[in-house]
Amino acid sequence: MAAVVPAERAEAARALMIELFPEGFEERDLADGVELAAYTDAGGEERVWAAFSTVSSARVDDGWDKRWRDFHRPIEVGRLWVGPPWETPPAGLEAVVIDPGRAFGTGGHATTRLCLELLLELQPSSLVDVGCGSGVIAIAAARLGFAPVLAVDHDPAALEATSRNALANGVELELSSADALVGALPPVDVIVANISESSIRQLRPDAATGAVIASGYLESERPALAGFDAVERRVLQGWAADLFRRAE
């Protein structure tokens, strides 16, 4: 199922697709706009028709469920290499090997890259990864020397994937099944939350937290975090990430 939208509507269309297909979708630049596509069933097709005025659909060949690997490409961010287990990391970089399983992401999404770029600017200290997904950020943080690292998610599949990936990468993480938007967060120096703009606003960092890296939202969105100042912003492919510092 695919929808083609003009470039000026791409940000809003991406946000809709995230709501419809949080497990992931494909994006392809065209001469006249952007094509957004997802593998789905009849129910998903109906949702896409309701969200977009012009869509197209086609039956896919057998084996489509394995072709998703083609869309998980490794990335290099500073001294980090992040990629799936069927790719070979280059020598000289800190390798973070991620198999997403049923959780979101092998690290190639723009928001993950932006979070890692900002993480590389911080001194290693204690850290919590809010909405850890498949564990990319938490494992990368451990590779960079952050400790202890706590990975939090309310989805059992995410915690399962994070645990498996941490073991495969030989790093130690503390895992917690919790809704990070309810109650105060643990007393750590750094919070990384690659979630959504509305969720960022609901975070309640502990008084010990001095820095928050936030992402998961579009470039047009600018979340605020009580008690913190936004000191740096990175953007990529229509997505954004912000570094917040405790206000003095």
Foldseek 3Di string as FASTA:
>chain_A
DKDWDAAVCVQVVVVLVCVLCVQDWDWDADPGGIMIGDDDDPVSVVSVVVVDVDTDDDDDDPPPVVCVLVVFDWDDAPLEIFGEPVDDDDPRGLYQHADQQSWHDSQPDPQSSQLVNVLVVDDAEEEEEEQCTLNRVQLVSVSVPHPDYEYEEQDPSRQVNNVVSCVVSVGDYHYDNDHQLPDADDQIQEYEYQDEQVSQQSYHYDPNHFKYKYWVHFPVDDHDHPQWDFDDKDDDPRTIITMIGGDD
